[in-house]
Amino acid sequence: MRHFILTCALVLNACTAPNTTDNTNTSTTSKPTLDVEQPVCTMEYMPVCATLEQNGQQFTKTFGNRCSAHSFIPKDTKVIKVDDGACE
């Protein structure tokens, strides 16, 4: 009988969930923020050709639509113009 009670106690102890609560003070921690608010773009395909300038060099790049063109251009890149249609 002692072995049965001991076995039941061990099984019940093994089945309990570990304490996973975080005791740190969350009011002092800050969430990471983006420098610029990113717009939410639709997934429609209406290609545009963006002429860009980076480090003094101009180049063209095709984007899926105008929103994605303006969303995915790095901050250090200057937008010269954006035309409808894919780049040639």
PDB file of N, CA and C in Angstrom:
ATOM      1  N   MET A   1       0.819  -1.195   0.000  1.00  0.00           N
ATOM      2  CA  MET A   1       0.000   0.000   0.000  1.00  0.00           C
ATOM      3  C   MET A   1       0.867   1.265   0.000  1.00  0.00           C
ATOM      4  N   ARG A   2       1.989   1.216   0.760  1.00  0.00           N
ATOM      5  CA  ARG A   2       2.884   2.369   0.788  1.00  0.00           C
ATOM      6  C   ARG A   2       3.439   2.662  -0.600  1.00  0.00           C
ATOM      7  N   HIS A   3       3.779   1.618  -1.319  1.00  0.00           N
ATOM      8  CA  HIS A   3       4.337   1.805  -2.662  1.00  0.00           C
ATOM      9  C   HIS A   3       3.305   2.413  -3.608  1.00  0.00           C
ATOM     10  N   PHE A   4       2.056   1.998  -3.468  1.00  0.00           N
ATOM     11  CA  PHE A   4       0.987   2.538  -4.306  1.00  0.00           C
ATOM     12  C   PHE A   4       0.800   4.034  -4.052  1.00  0.00           C
ATOM     13  N   ILE A   5       0.779   4.439  -2.796  1.00  0.00           N
ATOM     14  CA  ILE A   5       0.609   5.859  -2.454  1.00  0.00           C
ATOM     15  C   ILE A   5       1.805   6.663  -2.946  1.00  0.00           C
ATOM     16  N   LEU A   6       3.009   6.117  -2.766  1.00  0.00           N
ATOM     17  CA  LEU A   6       4.215   6.802  -3.232  1.00  0.00           C
ATOM     18  C   LEU A   6       4.210   6.937  -4.753  1.00  0.00           C
ATOM     19  N   THR A   7       3.801   5.896  -5.456  1.00  0.00           N
ATOM     20  CA  THR A   7       3.727   5.933  -6.918  1.00  0.00           C
ATOM     21  C   THR A   7       2.703   6.963  -7.379  1.00  0.00           C
ATOM     22  N   CYS A   8       1.544   6.998  -6.743  1.00  0.00           N
ATOM     23  CA  CYS A   8       0.520   7.995  -7.104  1.00  0.00           C
ATOM     24  C   CYS A   8       1.022   9.412  -6.871  1.00  0.00           C
ATOM     25  N   ALA A   9       1.723   9.624  -5.778  1.00  0.00           N
ATOM     26  CA  ALA A   9       2.260  10.956  -5.484  1.00  0.00           C
ATOM     27  C   ALA A   9       3.283  11.369  -6.534  1.00  0.00           C
ATOM     28  N   LEU A  10       4.140  10.450  -6.947  1.00  0.00           N
ATOM     29  CA  LEU A  10       5.139  10.758  -7.973  1.00  0.00           C
ATOM     30  C   LEU A  10       4.486  11.056  -9.323  1.00  0.00           C
ATOM     31  N   VAL A  11       3.471  10.281  -9.679  1.00  0.00           N
ATOM     32  CA  VAL A  11       2.771  10.496 -10.952  1.00  0.00           C
ATOM     33  C   VAL A  11       2.064  11.844 -10.950  1.00  0.00           C
ATOM     34  N   LEU A  12       1.376  12.168  -9.864  1.00  0.00           N
ATOM     35  CA  LEU A  12       0.689  13.460  -9.783  1.00  0.00           C
ATOM     36  C   LEU A  12       1.672  14.621  -9.810  1.00  0.00           C
ATOM     37  N   ASN A  13       2.808  14.462  -9.167  1.00  0.00           N
ATOM     38  CA  ASN A  13       3.821  15.512  -9.166  1.00  0.00           C
ATOM     39  C   ASN A  13       4.401  15.704 -10.567  1.00  0.00           C
ATOM     40  N   ALA A  14       4.576  14.623 -11.303  1.00  0.00           N
ATOM     41  CA  ALA A  14       5.126  14.703 -12.656  1.00  0.00           C
ATOM     42  C   ALA A  14       4.136  15.333 -13.630  1.00  0.00           C
ATOM     43  N   CYS A  15       2.851  15.245 -13.346  1.00  0.00           N
ATOM     44  CA  CYS A  15       1.829  15.762 -14.252  1.00  0.00           C
ATOM     45  C   CYS A  15       1.524  17.240 -14.044  1.00  0.00           C
ATOM     46  N   THR A  16       2.029  17.844 -13.009  1.00  0.00           N
ATOM     47  CA  THR A  16       1.730  19.260 -12.777  1.00  0.00           C
ATOM     48  C   THR A  16       2.549  20.115 -13.722  1.00  0.00           C
ATOM     49  N   ALA A  17       1.966  21.211 -14.153  1.00  0.00           N
ATOM     50  CA  ALA A  17       2.645  22.129 -15.065  1.00  0.00           C
ATOM     51  C   ALA A  17       3.632  22.987 -14.284  1.00  0.00           C
ATOM     52  N   PRO A  18       4.791  23.263 -14.868  1.00  0.00           N
ATOM     53  CA  PRO A  18       5.752  24.125 -14.181  1.00  0.00           C
ATOM     54  C   PRO A  18       5.236  25.559 -14.119  1.00  0.00           C
ATOM     55  N   ASN A  19       5.689  26.300 -13.160  1.00  0.00           N
ATOM     56  CA  ASN A  19       5.304  27.700 -13.004  1.00  0.00           C
ATOM     57  C   ASN A  19       6.014  28.519 -14.072  1.00  0.00           C
ATOM     58  N   THR A  20       5.257  29.076 -15.008  1.00  0.00           N
ATOM     59  CA  THR A  20       5.858  29.828 -16.110  1.00  0.00           C
ATOM     60  C   THR A  20       5.536  31.306 -16.052  1.00  0.00           C
ATOM     61  N   THR A  21       5.041  31.791 -14.930  1.00  0.00           N
ATOM     62  CA  THR A  21       4.713  33.213 -14.845  1.00  0.00           C
ATOM     63  C   THR A  21       5.987  34.021 -14.742  1.00  0.00           C
ATOM     64  N   ASP A  22       5.978  35.140 -15.390  1.00  0.00           N
ATOM     65  CA  ASP A  22       7.117  36.044 -15.389  1.00  0.00           C
ATOM     66  C   ASP A  22       6.909  37.065 -14.280  1.00  0.00           C
ATOM     67  N   ASN A  23       7.803  37.090 -13.337  1.00  0.00           N
ATOM     68  CA  ASN A  23       7.658  37.985 -12.200  1.00  0.00           C
ATOM     69  C   ASN A  23       8.322  39.337 -12.414  1.00  0.00           C
ATOM     70  N   THR A  24       8.825  39.601 -13.607  1.00  0.00           N
ATOM     71  CA  THR A  24       9.459  40.896 -13.852  1.00  0.00           C
ATOM     72  C   THR A  24       8.400  41.965 -13.992  1.00  0.00           C
ATOM     73  N   ASN A  25       8.757  43.167 -13.691  1.00  0.00           N
ATOM     74  CA  ASN A  25       7.835  44.298 -13.767  1.00  0.00           C
ATOM     75  C   ASN A  25       7.725  44.731 -15.222  1.00  0.00           C
ATOM     76  N   THR A  26       6.592  44.452 -15.860  1.00  0.00           N
ATOM     77  CA  THR A  26       6.428  44.758 -17.279  1.00  0.00           C
ATOM     78  C   THR A  26       6.138  46.223 -17.533  1.00  0.00           C
ATOM     79  N   SER A  27       5.827  46.988 -16.501  1.00  0.00           N
ATOM     80  CA  SER A  27       5.518  48.398 -16.721  1.00  0.00           C
ATOM     81  C   SER A  27       6.764  49.203 -17.053  1.00  0.00           C
ATOM     82  N   THR A  28       7.947  48.700 -16.698  1.00  0.00           N
ATOM     83  CA  THR A  28       9.171  49.438 -16.986  1.00  0.00           C
ATOM     84  C   THR A  28       9.804  49.010 -18.300  1.00  0.00           C
ATOM     85  N   THR A  29       9.368  47.878 -18.859  1.00  0.00           N
ATOM     86  CA  THR A  29       9.933  47.451 -20.133  1.00  0.00           C
ATOM     87  C   THR A  29       9.149  48.090 -21.264  1.00  0.00           C
ATOM     88  N   SER A  30       9.852  48.495 -22.302  1.00  0.00           N
ATOM     89  CA  SER A  30       9.180  49.128 -23.432  1.00  0.00           C
ATOM     90  C   SER A  30       9.205  48.198 -24.629  1.00  0.00           C
ATOM     91  N   LYS A  31       8.192  48.312 -25.450  1.00  0.00           N
ATOM     92  CA  LYS A  31       8.112  47.522 -26.666  1.00  0.00           C
ATOM     93  C   LYS A  31       8.941  48.206 -27.745  1.00  0.00           C
ATOM     94  N   PRO A  32       9.577  47.423 -28.621  1.00  0.00           N
ATOM     95  CA  PRO A  32      10.320  48.042 -29.715  1.00  0.00           C
ATOM     96  C   PRO A  32       9.367  48.754 -30.664  1.00  0.00           C
ATOM     97  N   THR A  33       9.784  49.875 -31.170  1.00  0.00           N
ATOM     98  CA  THR A  33       8.945  50.643 -32.089  1.00  0.00           C
ATOM     99  C   THR A  33       9.680  50.856 -33.401  1.00  0.00           C
ATOM    100  N   LEU A  34       8.921  51.049 -34.451  1.00  0.00           N
ATOM    101  CA  LEU A  34       9.488  51.352 -35.757  1.00  0.00           C
ATOM    102  C   LEU A  34       9.732  52.846 -35.859  1.00  0.00           C
ATOM    103  N   ASP A  35      10.769  53.222 -36.603  1.00  0.00           N
ATOM    104  CA  ASP A  35      11.051  54.638 -36.808  1.00  0.00           C
ATOM    105  C   ASP A  35       9.936  55.301 -37.598  1.00  0.00           C
ATOM    106  N   VAL A  36       9.450  54.596 -38.613  1.00  0.00           N
ATOM    107  CA  VAL A  36       8.404  55.128 -39.479  1.00  0.00           C
ATOM    108  C   VAL A  36       7.269  54.122 -39.506  1.00  0.00           C
ATOM    109  N   GLU A  37       6.067  54.613 -39.444  1.00  0.00           N
ATOM    110  CA  GLU A  37       4.890  53.745 -39.509  1.00  0.00           C
ATOM    111  C   GLU A  37       4.828  53.108 -40.898  1.00  0.00           C
ATOM    112  N   GLN A  38       4.763  51.772 -40.971  1.00  0.00           N
ATOM    113  CA  GLN A  38       4.699  51.061 -42.244  1.00  0.00           C
ATOM    114  C   GLN A  38       3.241  50.938 -42.681  1.00  0.00           C
ATOM    115  N   PRO A  39       2.921  51.363 -43.902  1.00  0.00           N
ATOM    116  CA  PRO A  39       1.545  51.207 -44.371  1.00  0.00           C
ATOM    117  C   PRO A  39       1.241  49.739 -44.657  1.00  0.00           C
ATOM    118  N   VAL A  40      -0.015  49.400 -44.594  1.00  0.00           N
ATOM    119  CA  VAL A  40      -0.445  48.045 -44.921  1.00  0.00           C
ATOM    120  C   VAL A  40      -0.810  48.041 -46.396  1.00  0.00           C
ATOM    121  N   CYS A  41      -0.087  47.265 -47.180  1.00  0.00           N
ATOM    122  CA  CYS A  41      -0.305  47.233 -48.629  1.00  0.00           C
ATOM    123  C   CYS A  41      -1.145  46.019 -49.011  1.00  0.00           C
ATOM    124  N   THR A  42      -1.974  46.194 -50.032  1.00  0.00           N
ATOM    125  CA  THR A  42      -2.736  45.072 -50.573  1.00  0.00           C
ATOM    126  C   THR A  42      -1.820  44.230 -51.446  1.00  0.00           C
ATOM    127  N   MET A  43      -2.249  43.029 -51.772  1.00  0.00           N
ATOM    128  CA  MET A  43      -1.432  42.121 -52.569  1.00  0.00           C
ATOM    129  C   MET A  43      -1.793  42.170 -54.053  1.00  0.00           C
ATOM    130  N   GLU A  44      -2.478  43.225 -54.498  1.00  0.00           N
ATOM    131  CA  GLU A  44      -2.824  43.317 -55.915  1.00  0.00           C
ATOM    132  C   GLU A  44      -1.567  43.580 -56.729  1.00  0.00           C
ATOM    133  N   TYR A  45      -1.517  42.995 -57.927  1.00  0.00           N
ATOM    134  CA  TYR A  45      -0.350  43.157 -58.787  1.00  0.00           C
ATOM    135  C   TYR A  45      -0.656  44.193 -59.850  1.00  0.00           C
ATOM    136  N   MET A  46      -0.134  45.380 -59.653  1.00  0.00           N
ATOM    137  CA  MET A  46      -0.211  46.479 -60.616  1.00  0.00           C
ATOM    138  C   MET A  46       1.191  47.071 -60.655  1.00  0.00           C
ATOM    139  N   PRO A  47       2.113  46.442 -61.422  1.00  0.00           N
ATOM    140  CA  PRO A  47       3.533  46.776 -61.332  1.00  0.00           C
ATOM    141  C   PRO A  47       3.841  48.237 -61.641  1.00  0.00           C
ATOM    142  N   VAL A  48       4.854  48.728 -60.938  1.00  0.00           N
ATOM    143  CA  VAL A  48       5.373  50.072 -61.170  1.00  0.00           C
ATOM    144  C   VAL A  48       6.889  49.978 -61.272  1.00  0.00           C
ATOM    145  N   CYS A  49       7.458  50.900 -62.025  1.00  0.00           N
ATOM    146  CA  CYS A  49       8.903  50.979 -62.196  1.00  0.00           C
ATOM    147  C   CYS A  49       9.395  52.209 -61.443  1.00  0.00           C
ATOM    148  N   ALA A  50      10.201  51.991 -60.430  1.00  0.00           N
ATOM    149  CA  ALA A  50      10.734  53.095 -59.636  1.00  0.00           C
ATOM    150  C   ALA A  50      12.162  53.385 -60.069  1.00  0.00           C
ATOM    151  N   THR A  51      12.436  54.655 -60.342  1.00  0.00           N
ATOM    152  CA  THR A  51      13.802  55.100 -60.591  1.00  0.00           C
ATOM    153  C   THR A  51      14.331  55.626 -59.266  1.00  0.00           C
ATOM    154  N   LEU A  52      15.403  55.010 -58.786  1.00  0.00           N
ATOM    155  CA  LEU A  52      15.935  55.302 -57.463  1.00  0.00           C
ATOM    156  C   LEU A  52      17.376  55.774 -57.555  1.00  0.00           C
ATOM    157  N   GLU A  53      17.814  56.485 -56.530  1.00  0.00           N
ATOM    158  CA  GLU A  53      19.207  56.920 -56.456  1.00  0.00           C
ATOM    159  C   GLU A  53      19.750  56.560 -55.081  1.00  0.00           C
ATOM    160  N   GLN A  54      20.882  55.855 -55.099  1.00  0.00           N
ATOM    161  CA  GLN A  54      21.525  55.453 -53.851  1.00  0.00           C
ATOM    162  C   GLN A  54      23.033  55.579 -54.022  1.00  0.00           C
ATOM    163  N   ASN A  55      23.673  56.277 -53.102  1.00  0.00           N
ATOM    164  CA  ASN A  55      25.125  56.511 -53.160  1.00  0.00           C
ATOM    165  C   ASN A  55      25.542  57.151 -54.479  1.00  0.00           C
ATOM    166  N   GLY A  56      24.714  58.051 -54.999  1.00  0.00           N
ATOM    167  CA  GLY A  56      25.039  58.767 -56.229  1.00  0.00           C
ATOM    168  C   GLY A  56      24.781  57.992 -57.507  1.00  0.00           C
ATOM    169  N   GLN A  57      24.284  56.776 -57.428  1.00  0.00           N
ATOM    170  CA  GLN A  57      24.020  55.973 -58.623  1.00  0.00           C
ATOM    171  C   GLN A  57      22.522  55.767 -58.784  1.00  0.00           C
ATOM    172  N   GLN A  58      22.043  55.951 -60.039  1.00  0.00           N
ATOM    173  CA  GLN A  58      20.626  55.742 -60.334  1.00  0.00           C
ATOM    174  C   GLN A  58      20.415  54.337 -60.871  1.00  0.00           C
ATOM    175  N   PHE A  59      19.287  53.752 -60.498  1.00  0.00           N
ATOM    176  CA  PHE A  59      18.905  52.433 -60.999  1.00  0.00           C
ATOM    177  C   PHE A  59      17.392  52.331 -60.953  1.00  0.00           C
ATOM    178  N   THR A  60      16.847  51.346 -61.682  1.00  0.00           N
ATOM    179  CA  THR A  60      15.401  51.127 -61.693  1.00  0.00           C
ATOM    180  C   THR A  60      15.098  49.784 -61.047  1.00  0.00           C
ATOM    181  N   LYS A  61      13.910  49.700 -60.474  1.00  0.00           N
ATOM    182  CA  LYS A  61      13.478  48.457 -59.834  1.00  0.00           C
ATOM    183  C   LYS A  61      11.970  48.343 -59.976  1.00  0.00           C
ATOM    184  N   THR A  62      11.497  47.148 -60.323  1.00  0.00           N
ATOM    185  CA  THR A  62      10.063  46.895 -60.446  1.00  0.00           C
ATOM    186  C   THR A  62       9.503  46.453 -59.098  1.00  0.00           C
ATOM    187  N   PHE A  63       8.368  47.050 -58.724  1.00  0.00           N
ATOM    188  CA  PHE A  63       7.648  46.679 -57.506  1.00  0.00           C
ATOM    189  C   PHE A  63       6.259  46.211 -57.901  1.00  0.00           C
ATOM    190  N   GLY A  64       5.618  45.424 -57.058  1.00  0.00           N
ATOM    191  CA  GLY A  64       4.298  44.865 -57.347  1.00  0.00           C
ATOM    192  C   GLY A  64       3.201  45.905 -57.451  1.00  0.00           C
ATOM    193  N   ASN A  65       3.309  47.000 -56.697  1.00  0.00           N
ATOM    194  CA  ASN A  65       2.353  48.102 -56.772  1.00  0.00           C
ATOM    195  C   ASN A  65       2.977  49.340 -56.125  1.00  0.00           C
ATOM    196  N   ARG A  66       2.305  50.475 -56.216  1.00  0.00           N
ATOM    197  CA  ARG A  66       2.863  51.725 -55.687  1.00  0.00           C
ATOM    198  C   ARG A  66       3.085  51.674 -54.179  1.00  0.00           C
ATOM    199  N   CYS A  67       2.171  51.055 -53.478  1.00  0.00           N
ATOM    200  CA  CYS A  67       2.303  50.980 -52.024  1.00  0.00           C
ATOM    201  C   CYS A  67       3.561  50.213 -51.630  1.00  0.00           C
ATOM    202  N   SER A  68       3.783  49.069 -52.245  1.00  0.00           N
ATOM    203  CA  SER A  68       4.973  48.296 -51.900  1.00  0.00           C
ATOM    204  C   SER A  68       6.244  49.013 -52.334  1.00  0.00           C
ATOM    205  N   ALA A  69       6.174  49.787 -53.407  1.00  0.00           N
ATOM    206  CA  ALA A  69       7.344  50.559 -53.834  1.00  0.00           C
ATOM    207  C   ALA A  69       7.748  51.548 -52.754  1.00  0.00           C
ATOM    208  N   HIS A  70       6.796  52.256 -52.200  1.00  0.00           N
ATOM    209  CA  HIS A  70       7.111  53.254 -51.184  1.00  0.00           C
ATOM    210  C   HIS A  70       7.398  52.620 -49.826  1.00  0.00           C
ATOM    211  N   SER A  71       6.930  51.406 -49.600  1.00  0.00           N
ATOM    212  CA  SER A  71       7.135  50.748 -48.307  1.00  0.00           C
ATOM    213  C   SER A  71       8.496  50.085 -48.190  1.00  0.00           C
ATOM    214  N   PHE A  72       9.019  49.559 -49.297  1.00  0.00           N
ATOM    215  CA  PHE A  72      10.227  48.748 -49.224  1.00  0.00           C
ATOM    216  C   PHE A  72      11.481  49.441 -49.726  1.00  0.00           C
ATOM    217  N   ILE A  73      11.431  50.734 -49.928  1.00  0.00           N
ATOM    218  CA  ILE A  73      12.615  51.479 -50.350  1.00  0.00           C
ATOM    219  C   ILE A  73      13.371  51.902 -49.093  1.00  0.00           C
ATOM    220  N   PRO A  74      14.668  51.590 -48.991  1.00  0.00           N
ATOM    221  CA  PRO A  74      15.446  51.974 -47.806  1.00  0.00           C
ATOM    222  C   PRO A  74      15.487  53.488 -47.609  1.00  0.00           C
ATOM    223  N   LYS A  75      15.713  53.905 -46.359  1.00  0.00           N
ATOM    224  CA  LYS A  75      15.715  55.333 -46.028  1.00  0.00           C
ATOM    225  C   LYS A  75      16.826  56.100 -46.740  1.00  0.00           C
ATOM    226  N   ASP A  76      17.946  55.442 -47.004  1.00  0.00           N
ATOM    227  CA  ASP A  76      19.067  56.140 -47.632  1.00  0.00           C
ATOM    228  C   ASP A  76      18.954  56.192 -49.154  1.00  0.00           C
ATOM    229  N   THR A  77      17.794  55.815 -49.689  1.00  0.00           N
ATOM    230  CA  THR A  77      17.572  55.798 -51.132  1.00  0.00           C
ATOM    231  C   THR A  77      16.584  56.889 -51.515  1.00  0.00           C
ATOM    232  N   LYS A  78      16.933  57.669 -52.534  1.00  0.00           N
ATOM    233  CA  LYS A  78      16.081  58.761 -53.014  1.00  0.00           C
ATOM    234  C   LYS A  78      15.225  58.255 -54.173  1.00  0.00           C
ATOM    235  N   VAL A  79      13.941  58.562 -54.126  1.00  0.00           N
ATOM    236  CA  VAL A  79      13.028  58.183 -55.205  1.00  0.00           C
ATOM    237  C   VAL A  79      13.030  59.302 -56.238  1.00  0.00           C
ATOM    238  N   ILE A  80      13.442  58.994 -57.455  1.00  0.00           N
ATOM    239  CA  ILE A  80      13.464  59.974 -58.541  1.00  0.00           C
ATOM    240  C   ILE A  80      12.082  60.058 -59.176  1.00  0.00           C
ATOM    241  N   LYS A  81      11.535  58.903 -59.573  1.00  0.00           N
ATOM    242  CA  LYS A  81      10.181  58.862 -60.139  1.00  0.00           C
ATOM    243  C   LYS A  81       9.641  57.444 -60.060  1.00  0.00           C
ATOM    244  N   VAL A  82       8.320  57.329 -60.159  1.00  0.00           N
ATOM    245  CA  VAL A  82       7.639  56.032 -60.170  1.00  0.00           C
ATOM    246  C   VAL A  82       6.652  56.057 -61.328  1.00  0.00           C
ATOM    247  N   ASP A  83       6.840  55.134 -62.287  1.00  0.00           N
ATOM    248  CA  ASP A  83       5.975  55.047 -63.465  1.00  0.00           C
ATOM    249  C   ASP A  83       5.181  53.746 -63.430  1.00  0.00           C
ATOM    250  N   ASP A  84       3.982  53.772 -64.028  1.00  0.00           N
ATOM    251  CA  ASP A  84       3.168  52.565 -64.135  1.00  0.00           C
ATOM    252  C   ASP A  84       3.841  51.568 -65.065  1.00  0.00           C
ATOM    253  N   GLY A  85       3.697  50.285 -64.762  1.00  0.00           N
ATOM    254  CA  GLY A  85       4.270  49.227 -65.585  1.00  0.00           C
ATOM    255  C   GLY A  85       5.618  48.768 -65.065  1.00  0.00           C
ATOM    256  N   ALA A  86       5.988  47.560 -65.467  1.00  0.00           N
ATOM    257  CA  ALA A  86       7.267  46.989 -65.041  1.00  0.00           C
ATOM    258  C   ALA A  86       8.427  47.672 -65.750  1.00  0.00           C
ATOM    259  N   CYS A  87       9.578  47.649 -65.120  1.00  0.00           N
ATOM    260  CA  CYS A  87      10.782  48.222 -65.739  1.00  0.00           C
ATOM    261  C   CYS A  87      11.211  47.339 -66.909  1.00  0.00           C
ATOM    262  N   GLU A  88      11.804  47.949 -67.894  1.00  0.00           N
ATOM    263  CA  GLU A  88      12.283  47.187 -69.066  1.00  0.00           C
ATOM    264  C   GLU A  88      13.717  46.788 -68.890  1.00  0.00           C
TER     265      GLU A  88
END
